[in-house]
């Protein structure tokens, strides 16, 4: 029983570190599962894009760039070739609209 509990703890630690889930919305088991599945699918898709495009950025940086440019209709190849995307921290201070600002 302890081994199973430890596996669950490690799984949620990995989720918090890599999927950036701050809190779970909804109280039902199904709501939590859907949120975890969506985060895992997003993480995997970004990892595939990073691998296929041979980007020399971390998955976290790729997620930040994609999150900031969600409303932009720029092709992915052009998005990551722009010279102003060298430092992702500068993008976070951008005045462009961002869907994740609350």
PDB file of N, CA and C in Angstrom:
ATOM      1  N   UNK A   1       0.839  -1.200   0.000  1.00  0.00           N
ATOM      2  CA  UNK A   1       0.000   0.000   0.000  1.00  0.00           C
ATOM      3  C   UNK A   1       0.881   1.260   0.000  1.00  0.00           C
ATOM      4  N   UNK A   2       1.953   1.244   0.800  1.00  0.00           N
ATOM      5  CA  UNK A   2       2.846   2.404   0.855  1.00  0.00           C
ATOM      6  C   UNK A   2       3.501   2.644  -0.502  1.00  0.00           C
ATOM      7  N   UNK A   3       3.900   1.579  -1.189  1.00  0.00           N
ATOM      8  CA  UNK A   3       4.527   1.712  -2.503  1.00  0.00           C
ATOM      9  C   UNK A   3       3.583   2.412  -3.478  1.00  0.00           C
ATOM     10  N   UNK A   4       2.311   2.058  -3.456  1.00  0.00           N
ATOM     11  CA  UNK A   4       1.339   2.703  -4.334  1.00  0.00           C
ATOM     12  C   UNK A   4       1.163   4.172  -3.972  1.00  0.00           C
ATOM     13  N   UNK A   5       1.154   4.464  -2.685  1.00  0.00           N
ATOM     14  CA  UNK A   5       1.008   5.855  -2.243  1.00  0.00           C
ATOM     15  C   UNK A   5       2.207   6.669  -2.713  1.00  0.00           C
ATOM     16  N   UNK A   6       3.395   6.128  -2.598  1.00  0.00           N
ATOM     17  CA  UNK A   6       4.596   6.833  -3.024  1.00  0.00           C
ATOM     18  C   UNK A   6       4.581   7.069  -4.533  1.00  0.00           C
ATOM     19  N   UNK A   7       4.094   6.124  -5.308  1.00  0.00           N
ATOM     20  CA  UNK A   7       3.990   6.298  -6.765  1.00  0.00           C
ATOM     21  C   UNK A   7       3.045   7.442  -7.105  1.00  0.00           C
ATOM     22  N   UNK A   8       1.951   7.536  -6.383  1.00  0.00           N
ATOM     23  CA  UNK A   8       0.991   8.623  -6.602  1.00  0.00           C
ATOM     24  C   UNK A   8       1.630   9.960  -6.248  1.00  0.00           C
ATOM     25  N   UNK A   9       2.360  10.013  -5.135  1.00  0.00           N
ATOM     26  CA  UNK A   9       3.038  11.249  -4.727  1.00  0.00           C
ATOM     27  C   UNK A   9       4.048  11.692  -5.783  1.00  0.00           C
ATOM     28  N   UNK A  10       4.820  10.755  -6.300  1.00  0.00           N
ATOM     29  CA  UNK A  10       5.801  11.083  -7.335  1.00  0.00           C
ATOM     30  C   UNK A  10       5.131  11.561  -8.623  1.00  0.00           C
ATOM     31  N   UNK A  11       4.001  10.945  -8.962  1.00  0.00           N
ATOM     32  CA  UNK A  11       3.260  11.351 -10.153  1.00  0.00           C
ATOM     33  C   UNK A  11       2.777  12.788 -10.018  1.00  0.00           C
ATOM     34  N   UNK A  12       2.203  13.152  -8.865  1.00  0.00           N
ATOM     35  CA  UNK A  12       1.705  14.514  -8.681  1.00  0.00           C
ATOM     36  C   UNK A  12       2.855  15.516  -8.583  1.00  0.00           C
ATOM     37  N   UNK A  13       3.998  15.114  -8.059  1.00  0.00           N
ATOM     38  CA  UNK A  13       5.169  15.989  -8.037  1.00  0.00           C
ATOM     39  C   UNK A  13       5.619  16.280  -9.462  1.00  0.00           C
ATOM     40  N   UNK A  14       5.655  15.242 -10.315  1.00  0.00           N
ATOM     41  CA  UNK A  14       6.032  15.433 -11.712  1.00  0.00           C
ATOM     42  C   UNK A  14       5.035  16.353 -12.405  1.00  0.00           C
ATOM     43  N   UNK A  15       3.746  16.176 -12.141  1.00  0.00           N
ATOM     44  CA  UNK A  15       2.711  17.026 -12.744  1.00  0.00           C
ATOM     45  C   UNK A  15       2.937  18.479 -12.359  1.00  0.00           C
ATOM     46  N   UNK A  16       3.174  18.742 -11.090  1.00  0.00           N
ATOM     47  CA  UNK A  16       3.377  20.117 -10.631  1.00  0.00           C
ATOM     48  C   UNK A  16       4.616  20.744 -11.266  1.00  0.00           C
ATOM     49  N   UNK A  17       5.669  19.973 -11.420  1.00  0.00           N
ATOM     50  CA  UNK A  17       6.912  20.510 -11.952  1.00  0.00           C
ATOM     51  C   UNK A  17       6.886  20.704 -13.462  1.00  0.00           C
ATOM     52  N   UNK A  18       6.265  19.801 -14.187  1.00  0.00           N
ATOM     53  CA  UNK A  18       6.344  19.838 -15.644  1.00  0.00           C
ATOM     54  C   UNK A  18       5.095  20.361 -16.333  1.00  0.00           C
ATOM     55  N   UNK A  19       3.937  20.118 -15.778  1.00  0.00           N
ATOM     56  CA  UNK A  19       2.706  20.488 -16.472  1.00  0.00           C
ATOM     57  C   UNK A  19       2.140  21.818 -16.000  1.00  0.00           C
ATOM     58  N   UNK A  20       2.731  22.373 -14.974  1.00  0.00           N
ATOM     59  CA  UNK A  20       2.347  23.686 -14.463  1.00  0.00           C
ATOM     60  C   UNK A  20       0.870  23.764 -14.077  1.00  0.00           C
ATOM     61  N   UNK A  21       0.356  22.738 -13.473  1.00  0.00           N
ATOM     62  CA  UNK A  21      -1.006  22.762 -12.940  1.00  0.00           C
ATOM     63  C   UNK A  21      -0.924  23.318 -11.530  1.00  0.00           C
ATOM     64  N   UNK A  22      -1.492  24.494 -11.334  1.00  0.00           N
ATOM     65  CA  UNK A  22      -1.420  25.143 -10.026  1.00  0.00           C
ATOM     66  C   UNK A  22      -2.498  24.604  -9.089  1.00  0.00           C
ATOM     67  N   UNK A  23      -3.693  24.431  -9.615  1.00  0.00           N
ATOM     68  CA  UNK A  23      -4.769  23.866  -8.812  1.00  0.00           C
ATOM     69  C   UNK A  23      -5.732  23.143  -9.745  1.00  0.00           C
ATOM     70  N   UNK A  24      -6.450  22.202  -9.184  1.00  0.00           N
ATOM     71  CA  UNK A  24      -7.404  21.437  -9.981  1.00  0.00           C
ATOM     72  C   UNK A  24      -8.766  22.111  -9.936  1.00  0.00           C
ATOM     73  N   UNK A  25      -9.384  22.268 -11.100  1.00  0.00           N
ATOM     74  CA  UNK A  25     -10.714  22.834 -11.177  1.00  0.00           C
ATOM     75  C   UNK A  25     -11.714  21.707 -11.102  1.00  0.00           C
ATOM     76  N   UNK A  26     -12.722  21.864 -10.327  1.00  0.00           N
ATOM     77  CA  UNK A  26     -13.726  20.828 -10.156  1.00  0.00           C
ATOM     78  C   UNK A  26     -13.348  19.910  -9.015  1.00  0.00           C
ATOM     79  N   UNK A  27     -14.348  19.264  -8.484  1.00  0.00           N
ATOM     80  CA  UNK A  27     -14.099  18.389  -7.338  1.00  0.00           C
ATOM     81  C   UNK A  27     -14.284  16.920  -7.674  1.00  0.00           C
ATOM     82  N   UNK A  28     -14.849  16.653  -8.827  1.00  0.00           N
ATOM     83  CA  UNK A  28     -15.094  15.256  -9.161  1.00  0.00           C
ATOM     84  C   UNK A  28     -13.819  14.603  -9.696  1.00  0.00           C
ATOM     85  N   UNK A  29     -13.781  13.317  -9.607  1.00  0.00           N
ATOM     86  CA  UNK A  29     -12.640  12.556 -10.118  1.00  0.00           C
ATOM     87  C   UNK A  29     -12.503  12.751 -11.621  1.00  0.00           C
ATOM     88  N   UNK A  30     -13.639  12.811 -12.321  1.00  0.00           N
ATOM     89  CA  UNK A  30     -13.624  12.980 -13.771  1.00  0.00           C
ATOM     90  C   UNK A  30     -13.034  14.336 -14.161  1.00  0.00           C
ATOM     91  N   UNK A  31     -13.352  15.391 -13.425  1.00  0.00           N
ATOM     92  CA  UNK A  31     -12.824  16.726 -13.728  1.00  0.00           C
ATOM     93  C   UNK A  31     -11.306  16.758 -13.575  1.00  0.00           C
ATOM     94  N   UNK A  32     -10.804  16.131 -12.535  1.00  0.00           N
ATOM     95  CA  UNK A  32      -9.363  16.089 -12.308  1.00  0.00           C
ATOM     96  C   UNK A  32      -8.681  15.273 -13.398  1.00  0.00           C
ATOM     97  N   UNK A  33      -9.263  14.152 -13.772  1.00  0.00           N
ATOM     98  CA  UNK A  33      -8.683  13.324 -14.837  1.00  0.00           C
ATOM     99  C   UNK A  33      -8.619  14.076 -16.159  1.00  0.00           C
ATOM    100  N   UNK A  34      -9.685  14.770 -16.503  1.00  0.00           N
ATOM    101  CA  UNK A  34      -9.709  15.514 -17.762  1.00  0.00           C
ATOM    102  C   UNK A  34      -8.624  16.582 -17.762  1.00  0.00           C
ATOM    103  N   UNK A  35      -8.461  17.282 -16.644  1.00  0.00           N
ATOM    104  CA  UNK A  35      -7.438  18.314 -16.570  1.00  0.00           C
ATOM    105  C   UNK A  35      -6.036  17.718 -16.683  1.00  0.00           C
ATOM    106  N   UNK A  36      -5.797  16.591 -16.046  1.00  0.00           N
ATOM    107  CA  UNK A  36      -4.488  15.936 -16.134  1.00  0.00           C
ATOM    108  C   UNK A  36      -4.240  15.440 -17.558  1.00  0.00           C
ATOM    109  N   UNK A  37      -5.247  14.806 -18.172  1.00  0.00           N
ATOM    110  CA  UNK A  37      -5.076  14.316 -19.542  1.00  0.00           C
ATOM    111  C   UNK A  37      -4.785  15.460 -20.508  1.00  0.00           C
ATOM    112  N   UNK A  38      -5.496  16.568 -20.375  1.00  0.00           N
ATOM    113  CA  UNK A  38      -5.255  17.721 -21.260  1.00  0.00           C
ATOM    114  C   UNK A  38      -3.837  18.264 -21.080  1.00  0.00           C
ATOM    115  N   UNK A  39      -3.373  18.334 -19.846  1.00  0.00           N
ATOM    116  CA  UNK A  39      -2.018  18.830 -19.590  1.00  0.00           C
ATOM    117  C   UNK A  39      -0.971  17.876 -20.155  1.00  0.00           C
ATOM    118  N   UNK A  40      -1.178  16.580 -19.995  1.00  0.00           N
ATOM    119  CA  UNK A  40      -0.225  15.592 -20.523  1.00  0.00           C
ATOM    120  C   UNK A  40      -0.208  15.626 -22.053  1.00  0.00           C
ATOM    121  N   UNK A  41      -1.373  15.741 -22.675  1.00  0.00           N
ATOM    122  CA  UNK A  41      -1.447  15.812 -24.135  1.00  0.00           C
ATOM    123  C   UNK A  41      -0.739  17.059 -24.637  1.00  0.00           C
ATOM    124  N   UNK A  42      -0.959  18.198 -23.977  1.00  0.00           N
ATOM    125  CA  UNK A  42      -0.296  19.439 -24.368  1.00  0.00           C
ATOM    126  C   UNK A  42       1.214  19.306 -24.241  1.00  0.00           C
ATOM    127  N   UNK A  43       1.665  18.739 -23.126  1.00  0.00           N
ATOM    128  CA  UNK A  43       3.099  18.544 -22.904  1.00  0.00           C
ATOM    129  C   UNK A  43       3.698  17.654 -23.997  1.00  0.00           C
ATOM    130  N   UNK A  44       3.015  16.574 -24.333  1.00  0.00           N
ATOM    131  CA  UNK A  44       3.516  15.657 -25.360  1.00  0.00           C
ATOM    132  C   UNK A  44       3.543  16.311 -26.743  1.00  0.00           C
ATOM    133  N   UNK A  45       2.512  17.079 -27.075  1.00  0.00           N
ATOM    134  CA  UNK A  45       2.489  17.765 -28.368  1.00  0.00           C
ATOM    135  C   UNK A  45       3.623  18.778 -28.488  1.00  0.00           C
ATOM    136  N   UNK A  46       3.877  19.515 -27.424  1.00  0.00           N
ATOM    137  CA  UNK A  46       4.970  20.485 -27.448  1.00  0.00           C
ATOM    138  C   UNK A  46       6.307  19.764 -27.537  1.00  0.00           C
ATOM    139  N   UNK A  47       6.440  18.624 -26.859  1.00  0.00           N
ATOM    140  CA  UNK A  47       7.683  17.842 -26.947  1.00  0.00           C
ATOM    141  C   UNK A  47       7.898  17.341 -28.371  1.00  0.00           C
ATOM    142  N   UNK A  48       6.825  16.931 -29.054  1.00  0.00           N
ATOM    143  CA  UNK A  48       6.936  16.475 -30.446  1.00  0.00           C
ATOM    144  C   UNK A  48       7.344  17.637 -31.348  1.00  0.00           C
ATOM    145  N   UNK A  49       6.735  18.805 -31.151  1.00  0.00           N
ATOM    146  CA  UNK A  49       7.089  19.980 -31.946  1.00  0.00           C
ATOM    147  C   UNK A  49       8.555  20.346 -31.714  1.00  0.00           C
ATOM    148  N   UNK A  50       8.970  20.340 -30.453  1.00  0.00           N
ATOM    149  CA  UNK A  50      10.362  20.654 -30.125  1.00  0.00           C
ATOM    150  C   UNK A  50      11.318  19.674 -30.805  1.00  0.00           C
ATOM    151  N   UNK A  51      10.994  18.407 -30.780  1.00  0.00           N
ATOM    152  CA  UNK A  51      11.858  17.384 -31.389  1.00  0.00           C
ATOM    153  C   UNK A  51      11.873  17.497 -32.906  1.00  0.00           C
ATOM    154  N   UNK A  52      10.698  17.629 -33.514  1.00  0.00           N
ATOM    155  CA  UNK A  52      10.616  17.677 -34.973  1.00  0.00           C
ATOM    156  C   UNK A  52      11.268  18.924 -35.556  1.00  0.00           C
ATOM    157  N   UNK A  53      11.153  20.054 -34.841  1.00  0.00           N
ATOM    158  CA  UNK A  53      11.740  21.299 -35.331  1.00  0.00           C
ATOM    159  C   UNK A  53      13.199  21.443 -34.905  1.00  0.00           C
ATOM    160  N   UNK A  54      13.677  20.480 -34.107  1.00  0.00           N
ATOM    161  CA  UNK A  54      15.059  20.494 -33.616  1.00  0.00           C
ATOM    162  C   UNK A  54      15.391  21.815 -32.926  1.00  0.00           C
ATOM    163  N   UNK A  55      14.499  22.220 -32.035  1.00  0.00           N
ATOM    164  CA  UNK A  55      14.680  23.469 -31.302  1.00  0.00           C
ATOM    165  C   UNK A  55      15.686  23.277 -30.182  1.00  0.00           C
ATOM    166  N   UNK A  56      16.496  24.280 -29.970  1.00  0.00           N
ATOM    167  CA  UNK A  56      17.474  24.218 -28.890  1.00  0.00           C
ATOM    168  C   UNK A  56      16.957  24.980 -27.677  1.00  0.00           C
ATOM    169  N   UNK A  57      15.728  24.774 -27.368  1.00  0.00           N
ATOM    170  CA  UNK A  57      15.087  25.409 -26.213  1.00  0.00           C
ATOM    171  C   UNK A  57      14.474  24.321 -25.351  1.00  0.00           C
ATOM    172  N   UNK A  58      14.265  24.646 -24.091  1.00  0.00           N
ATOM    173  CA  UNK A  58      13.601  23.692 -23.215  1.00  0.00           C
ATOM    174  C   UNK A  58      12.113  23.663 -23.546  1.00  0.00           C
ATOM    175  N   UNK A  59      11.461  22.613 -23.136  1.00  0.00           N
ATOM    176  CA  UNK A  59      10.014  22.514 -23.370  1.00  0.00           C
ATOM    177  C   UNK A  59       9.299  23.659 -22.663  1.00  0.00           C
ATOM    178  N   UNK A  60       9.793  24.040 -21.497  1.00  0.00           N
ATOM    179  CA  UNK A  60       9.191  25.154 -20.761  1.00  0.00           C
ATOM    180  C   UNK A  60       9.265  26.446 -21.577  1.00  0.00           C
ATOM    181  N   UNK A  61      10.413  26.729 -22.208  1.00  0.00           N
ATOM    182  CA  UNK A  61      10.544  27.928 -23.042  1.00  0.00           C
ATOM    183  C   UNK A  61       9.614  27.862 -24.247  1.00  0.00           C
ATOM    184  N   UNK A  62       9.517  26.693 -24.877  1.00  0.00           N
ATOM    185  CA  UNK A  62       8.618  26.538 -26.022  1.00  0.00           C
ATOM    186  C   UNK A  62       7.175  26.782 -25.589  1.00  0.00           C
ATOM    187  N   UNK A  63       6.787  26.252 -24.428  1.00  0.00           N
ATOM    188  CA  UNK A  63       5.437  26.489 -23.906  1.00  0.00           C
ATOM    189  C   UNK A  63       5.192  27.966 -23.646  1.00  0.00           C
ATOM    190  N   UNK A  64       6.187  28.672 -23.113  1.00  0.00           N
ATOM    191  CA  UNK A  64       6.038  30.104 -22.862  1.00  0.00           C
ATOM    192  C   UNK A  64       5.844  30.869 -24.166  1.00  0.00           C
ATOM    193  N   UNK A  65       6.654  30.568 -25.160  1.00  0.00           N
ATOM    194  CA  UNK A  65       6.546  31.268 -26.441  1.00  0.00           C
ATOM    195  C   UNK A  65       5.195  30.990 -27.086  1.00  0.00           C
ATOM    196  N   UNK A  66       4.767  29.743 -27.064  1.00  0.00           N
ATOM    197  CA  UNK A  66       3.465  29.404 -27.645  1.00  0.00           C
ATOM    198  C   UNK A  66       2.328  30.052 -26.868  1.00  0.00           C
ATOM    199  N   UNK A  67       2.441  30.103 -25.553  1.00  0.00           N
ATOM    200  CA  UNK A  67       1.404  30.729 -24.737  1.00  0.00           C
ATOM    201  C   UNK A  67       1.280  32.215 -24.977  1.00  0.00           C
ATOM    202  N   UNK A  68       2.399  32.867 -25.206  1.00  0.00           N
ATOM    203  CA  UNK A  68       2.388  34.309 -25.446  1.00  0.00           C
ATOM    204  C   UNK A  68       1.870  34.625 -26.836  1.00  0.00           C
ATOM    205  N   UNK A  69       2.098  33.755 -27.786  1.00  0.00           N
ATOM    206  CA  UNK A  69       1.737  34.046 -29.174  1.00  0.00           C
ATOM    207  C   UNK A  69       0.510  33.263 -29.638  1.00  0.00           C
ATOM    208  N   UNK A  70      -0.383  32.920 -28.734  1.00  0.00           N
ATOM    209  CA  UNK A  70      -1.587  32.172 -29.122  1.00  0.00           C
ATOM    210  C   UNK A  70      -2.479  32.937 -30.085  1.00  0.00           C
ATOM    211  N   UNK A  71      -2.538  34.263 -29.941  1.00  0.00           N
ATOM    212  CA  UNK A  71      -3.410  35.050 -30.808  1.00  0.00           C
ATOM    213  C   UNK A  71      -2.721  35.468 -32.094  1.00  0.00           C
ATOM    214  N   UNK A  72      -1.436  35.152 -32.227  1.00  0.00           N
ATOM    215  CA  UNK A  72      -0.663  35.493 -33.417  1.00  0.00           C
ATOM    216  C   UNK A  72      -0.836  34.401 -34.463  1.00  0.00           C
ATOM    217  N   UNK A  73      -0.959  34.776 -35.730  1.00  0.00           N
ATOM    218  CA  UNK A  73      -1.145  33.790 -36.794  1.00  0.00           C
ATOM    219  C   UNK A  73       0.158  33.484 -37.527  1.00  0.00           C
ATOM    220  N   UNK A  74       1.266  33.629 -36.839  1.00  0.00           N
ATOM    221  CA  UNK A  74       2.575  33.361 -37.430  1.00  0.00           C
ATOM    222  C   UNK A  74       2.817  31.860 -37.508  1.00  0.00           C
ATOM    223  N   UNK A  75       3.417  31.407 -38.591  1.00  0.00           N
ATOM    224  CA  UNK A  75       3.767  30.004 -38.748  1.00  0.00           C
ATOM    225  C   UNK A  75       4.785  29.631 -37.674  1.00  0.00           C
ATOM    226  N   UNK A  76       4.719  28.390 -37.189  1.00  0.00           N
ATOM    227  CA  UNK A  76       5.613  27.963 -36.113  1.00  0.00           C
ATOM    228  C   UNK A  76       7.079  28.142 -36.462  1.00  0.00           C
ATOM    229  N   UNK A  77       7.454  27.799 -37.681  1.00  0.00           N
ATOM    230  CA  UNK A  77       8.856  27.915 -38.091  1.00  0.00           C
ATOM    231  C   UNK A  77       9.315  29.366 -37.995  1.00  0.00           C
ATOM    232  N   UNK A  78       8.468  30.296 -38.432  1.00  0.00           N
ATOM    233  CA  UNK A  78       8.812  31.715 -38.360  1.00  0.00           C
ATOM    234  C   UNK A  78       8.802  32.212 -36.914  1.00  0.00           C
ATOM    235  N   UNK A  79       7.925  31.669 -36.118  1.00  0.00           N
ATOM    236  CA  UNK A  79       7.814  32.099 -34.725  1.00  0.00           C
ATOM    237  C   UNK A  79       9.094  31.834 -33.955  1.00  0.00           C
ATOM    238  N   UNK A  80       9.701  30.679 -34.171  1.00  0.00           N
ATOM    239  CA  UNK A  80      10.912  30.332 -33.441  1.00  0.00           C
ATOM    240  C   UNK A  80      12.177  30.837 -34.118  1.00  0.00           C
ATOM    241  N   UNK A  81      12.070  31.389 -35.339  1.00  0.00           N
ATOM    242  CA  UNK A  81      13.232  31.953 -36.013  1.00  0.00           C
ATOM    243  C   UNK A  81      13.397  33.438 -35.719  1.00  0.00           C
ATOM    244  N   UNK A  82      12.384  34.059 -35.145  1.00  0.00           N
ATOM    245  CA  UNK A  82      12.464  35.492 -34.869  1.00  0.00           C
ATOM    246  C   UNK A  82      13.590  35.783 -33.885  1.00  0.00           C
ATOM    247  N   UNK A  83      14.328  36.828 -34.154  1.00  0.00           N
ATOM    248  CA  UNK A  83      15.455  37.172 -33.278  1.00  0.00           C
ATOM    249  C   UNK A  83      14.985  37.754 -31.952  1.00  0.00           C
ATOM    250  N   UNK A  84      13.784  38.338 -31.913  1.00  0.00           N
ATOM    251  CA  UNK A  84      13.323  38.923 -30.652  1.00  0.00           C
ATOM    252  C   UNK A  84      12.799  37.874 -29.681  1.00  0.00           C
ATOM    253  N   UNK A  85      12.828  36.613 -30.042  1.00  0.00           N
ATOM    254  CA  UNK A  85      12.400  35.541 -29.144  1.00  0.00           C
ATOM    255  C   UNK A  85      13.596  34.849 -28.498  1.00  0.00           C
ATOM    256  N   UNK A  86      14.775  35.468 -28.546  1.00  0.00           N
ATOM    257  CA  UNK A  86      15.951  34.840 -27.948  1.00  0.00           C
ATOM    258  C   UNK A  86      15.810  34.725 -26.439  1.00  0.00           C
ATOM    259  N   UNK A  87      15.268  35.741 -25.819  1.00  0.00           N
ATOM    260  CA  UNK A  87      15.107  35.723 -24.364  1.00  0.00           C
ATOM    261  C   UNK A  87      13.621  35.706 -24.044  1.00  0.00           C
ATOM    262  N   UNK A  88      13.148  34.604 -23.546  1.00  0.00           N
ATOM    263  CA  UNK A  88      11.723  34.429 -23.288  1.00  0.00           C
ATOM    264  C   UNK A  88      11.246  35.351 -22.176  1.00  0.00           C
ATOM    265  N   UNK A  89      12.109  35.712 -21.257  1.00  0.00           N
ATOM    266  CA  UNK A  89      11.711  36.578 -20.154  1.00  0.00           C
ATOM    267  C   UNK A  89      11.278  37.954 -20.639  1.00  0.00           C
ATOM    268  N   UNK A  90      11.853  38.428 -21.731  1.00  0.00           N
ATOM    269  CA  UNK A  90      11.451  39.713 -22.289  1.00  0.00           C
ATOM    270  C   UNK A  90      10.013  39.635 -22.783  1.00  0.00           C
ATOM    271  N   UNK A  91       9.609  38.485 -23.307  1.00  0.00           N
ATOM    272  CA  UNK A  91       8.262  38.324 -23.836  1.00  0.00           C
ATOM    273  C   UNK A  91       7.199  38.460 -22.764  1.00  0.00           C
ATOM    274  N   UNK A  92       7.497  38.038 -21.569  1.00  0.00           N
ATOM    275  CA  UNK A  92       6.515  38.081 -20.500  1.00  0.00           C
ATOM    276  C   UNK A  92       6.151  39.512 -20.135  1.00  0.00           C
ATOM    277  N   UNK A  93       7.019  40.483 -20.432  1.00  0.00           N
ATOM    278  CA  UNK A  93       6.753  41.887 -20.158  1.00  0.00           C
ATOM    279  C   UNK A  93       6.131  42.585 -21.364  1.00  0.00           C
ATOM    280  N   UNK A  94       5.811  41.823 -22.388  1.00  0.00           N
ATOM    281  CA  UNK A  94       5.275  42.384 -23.621  1.00  0.00           C
ATOM    282  C   UNK A  94       3.892  42.969 -23.391  1.00  0.00           C
ATOM    283  N   UNK A  95       3.544  43.983 -24.193  1.00  0.00           N
ATOM    284  CA  UNK A  95       2.223  44.597 -24.075  1.00  0.00           C
ATOM    285  C   UNK A  95       1.203  43.917 -24.980  1.00  0.00           C
ATOM    286  N   UNK A  96       1.605  42.876 -25.699  1.00  0.00           N
ATOM    287  CA  UNK A  96       0.678  42.150 -26.549  1.00  0.00           C
ATOM    288  C   UNK A  96      -0.349  41.421 -25.709  1.00  0.00           C
ATOM    289  N   UNK A  97      -1.556  41.207 -26.244  1.00  0.00           N
ATOM    290  CA  UNK A  97      -2.574  40.483 -25.464  1.00  0.00           C
ATOM    291  C   UNK A  97      -2.141  39.058 -25.148  1.00  0.00           C
ATOM    292  N   UNK A  98      -2.479  38.609 -23.977  1.00  0.00           N
ATOM    293  CA  UNK A  98      -2.124  37.266 -23.546  1.00  0.00           C
ATOM    294  C   UNK A  98      -3.357  36.629 -22.933  1.00  0.00           C
ATOM    295  N   UNK A  99      -3.709  35.456 -23.381  1.00  0.00           N
ATOM    296  CA  UNK A  99      -4.917  34.788 -22.904  1.00  0.00           C
ATOM    297  C   UNK A  99      -4.805  34.332 -21.463  1.00  0.00           C
ATOM    298  N   UNK A 100      -3.585  34.238 -20.925  1.00  0.00           N
ATOM    299  CA  UNK A 100      -3.413  33.686 -19.598  1.00  0.00           C
ATOM    300  C   UNK A 100      -3.192  34.738 -18.522  1.00  0.00           C
ATOM    301  N   UNK A 101      -3.373  36.008 -18.829  1.00  0.00           N
ATOM    302  CA  UNK A 101      -3.290  37.041 -17.794  1.00  0.00           C
ATOM    303  C   UNK A 101      -4.635  37.132 -17.090  1.00  0.00           C
ATOM    304  N   UNK A 102      -4.615  37.018 -15.779  1.00  0.00           N
ATOM    305  CA  UNK A 102      -5.856  37.079 -15.013  1.00  0.00           C
ATOM    306  C   UNK A 102      -5.850  38.292 -14.124  1.00  0.00           C
TER     307      UNK A 102
END
